[in-house]
Amino acid sequence: MAQAGPSVPLWTLCGLLLLFAFKHYVADFMLQTSWIAHGKERVTGWLAPLAVHVLAHGVLTLAIALTWAPHLWWLALVDVVVHATIDRCKSLLGNWGSWKPTEGQFWWLMGFDQFLHQVTNIALTAAFFIF
C-alpha cells in the first residue's frame, strides 16, 4: 500500500484532506447566509456575523476531531482563530481596496482567501498525524 510517510497510509491522509475540504465547502458556502456573507465584510458590525461563521467551522472541525482522534478536540479552537484571522484580514484589505466583482483584484483576494483556508486544512490534517 502507498504510504504518505513511514506509518501513514496514503488513503488515510487523502481521506482526511477531502473531509476537511468538504467541511470547508459546507461551512463557507452551504451554511453561510447572506447575513453572514455581507455582515462579516462590513466596516462596523462585523463581529457577530464573523463569529457565527467561524463557529460553524469550529463545530465541524470538532466533529471531525471527535470522530477520528478525540484528543485533538482543541484543533477546533485553532480552526476558529485561524479562520477568523484570515477572513477578517480579507475583509480589511477588501474594504481598503473597494474592489468590485468586476475587478481582477476582487477575485485575486477571494482566491487567496480560499488558498489560505486550504493551507489551513492541510495543516489541520497534518496535525492528526503529528499529535
Protein backbone atom coordinates (compact mmCIF):
# COMPACT_ATOMS: atom_id res chain seq x y z
CA MET A 1 0.00 0.00 0.00
CA ALA A 2 1.23 3.52 -0.81
CA GLN A 3 2.39 5.43 2.23
CA ALA A 4 2.44 9.17 2.97
CA GLY A 5 5.20 8.56 5.44
CA PRO A 6 6.64 5.70 7.45
CA SER A 7 3.35 4.96 9.20
CA VAL A 8 0.62 6.97 7.46
CA PRO A 9 -1.40 5.16 4.77
CA LEU A 10 -1.88 7.42 1.77
CA TRP A 11 -5.63 6.77 1.69
CA THR A 12 -5.99 7.90 5.29
CA LEU A 13 -4.19 11.14 4.53
CA CYS A 14 -6.22 11.73 1.37
CA GLY A 15 -9.46 10.89 3.17
CA LEU A 16 -8.81 13.44 5.89
CA LEU A 17 -7.78 16.09 3.36
CA LEU A 18 -11.00 15.51 1.42
CA LEU A 19 -13.03 15.59 4.63
CA PHE A 20 -11.54 18.95 5.62
CA ALA A 21 -12.05 20.32 2.09
CA PHE A 22 -15.70 19.22 2.25
CA LYS A 23 -16.03 20.72 5.74
CA HIS A 24 -14.79 23.98 4.31
CA TYR A 25 -17.29 23.83 1.45
CA VAL A 26 -20.17 23.19 3.85
CA ALA A 27 -19.23 25.93 6.33
CA ASP A 28 -18.09 28.53 3.78
CA PHE A 29 -20.85 28.06 1.23
CA MET A 30 -23.77 25.89 2.35
CA LEU A 31 -24.09 27.33 5.86
CA GLN A 32 -23.14 30.90 5.01
CA THR A 33 -26.27 33.03 4.84
CA SER A 34 -26.50 36.45 3.24
CA TRP A 35 -26.39 37.98 6.73
CA ILE A 36 -23.09 36.23 7.42
CA ALA A 37 -21.53 36.79 3.99
CA HIS A 38 -22.32 40.51 3.84
CA GLY A 39 -22.16 41.17 7.57
CA LYS A 40 -18.63 39.91 8.10
CA GLU A 41 -17.43 42.22 5.31
CA ARG A 42 -18.80 45.39 6.90
CA VAL A 43 -16.58 48.08 8.36
CA THR A 44 -18.66 48.07 11.56
CA GLY A 45 -20.96 45.42 12.99
CA TRP A 46 -18.87 42.60 11.54
CA LEU A 47 -18.12 40.70 14.75
CA ALA A 48 -21.39 38.77 15.19
CA PRO A 49 -21.63 37.51 11.59
CA LEU A 50 -17.94 36.58 11.60
CA ALA A 51 -18.32 34.79 14.94
CA VAL A 52 -21.27 32.74 13.67
CA HIS A 53 -19.31 31.87 10.54
CA VAL A 54 -16.12 30.75 12.27
CA LEU A 55 -18.06 28.87 14.93
CA ALA A 56 -19.64 26.81 12.14
CA HIS A 57 -16.12 25.94 11.01
CA GLY A 58 -15.14 25.13 14.57
CA VAL A 59 -18.13 22.86 15.19
CA LEU A 60 -17.47 20.90 12.00
CA THR A 61 -13.76 20.59 12.81
CA LEU A 62 -14.72 19.42 16.29
CA ALA A 63 -16.97 16.76 14.76
CA ILE A 64 -14.10 15.53 12.59
CA ALA A 65 -11.69 15.51 15.52
CA LEU A 66 -14.09 13.70 17.85
CA THR A 67 -14.70 11.08 15.16
CA TRP A 68 -11.08 10.47 14.14
CA ALA A 69 -8.98 11.47 17.16
CA PRO A 70 -10.90 12.83 20.16
CA HIS A 71 -7.73 14.02 21.90
CA LEU A 72 -7.40 16.62 19.09
CA TRP A 73 -10.63 18.43 20.03
CA TRP A 74 -8.54 21.59 20.50
CA LEU A 75 -7.95 21.79 16.74
CA ALA A 76 -11.48 23.20 16.55
CA LEU A 77 -10.29 26.22 18.54
CA VAL A 78 -7.26 26.57 16.28
CA ASP A 79 -9.53 26.47 13.23
CA VAL A 80 -11.80 29.18 14.69
CA VAL A 81 -8.89 31.53 15.39
CA VAL A 82 -7.13 30.95 12.07
CA HIS A 83 -10.33 31.19 10.02
CA ALA A 84 -11.37 34.38 11.80
CA THR A 85 -7.95 35.92 11.21
CA ILE A 86 -7.92 35.06 7.50
CA ASP A 87 -11.49 36.28 6.93
CA ARG A 88 -11.03 39.49 8.88
CA CYS A 89 -7.81 40.33 7.07
CA LYS A 90 -9.52 39.64 3.74
CA SER A 91 -12.35 41.98 4.73
CA LEU A 92 -10.00 44.74 5.84
CA LEU A 93 -8.00 44.52 2.62
CA GLY A 94 -11.16 44.31 0.51
CA ASN A 95 -12.65 47.36 2.22
CA TRP A 96 -9.39 49.23 1.78
CA GLY A 97 -9.28 48.44 -1.94
CA SER A 98 -13.04 48.85 -2.51
CA TRP A 99 -12.75 46.24 -5.28
CA LYS A 100 -15.90 45.06 -7.04
CA PRO A 101 -16.56 41.61 -8.58
CA THR A 102 -15.89 43.18 -11.98
CA GLU A 103 -12.26 43.86 -10.99
CA GLY A 104 -9.41 41.37 -11.01
CA GLN A 105 -8.20 42.40 -7.55
CA PHE A 106 -11.51 41.27 -6.04
CA TRP A 107 -11.02 37.77 -7.44
CA TRP A 108 -7.32 37.65 -6.58
CA LEU A 109 -8.24 38.44 -2.99
CA MET A 110 -11.07 35.89 -2.97
CA GLY A 111 -8.80 33.25 -4.44
CA PHE A 112 -6.01 33.97 -1.97
CA ASP A 113 -8.52 33.73 0.88
CA GLN A 114 -9.61 30.30 -0.33
CA PHE A 115 -5.98 29.25 -0.85
CA LEU A 116 -5.15 30.16 2.77
CA HIS A 117 -8.16 28.18 4.01
CA GLN A 118 -7.00 25.11 2.08
CA VAL A 119 -3.49 25.51 3.50
CA THR A 120 -5.16 25.57 6.92
CA ASN A 121 -6.96 22.33 6.03
CA ILE A 122 -3.64 20.75 5.10
CA ALA A 123 -2.14 21.87 8.42
CA LEU A 124 -5.14 20.54 10.36
CA THR A 125 -4.81 17.22 8.56
CA ALA A 126 -1.10 17.08 9.31
CA ALA A 127 -1.86 17.67 12.98
CA PHE A 128 -3.76 14.37 13.05
CA PHE A 129 -0.53 12.57 12.26
CA ILE A 130 1.78 14.71 14.41
CA PHE A 131 -0.13 14.90 17.69
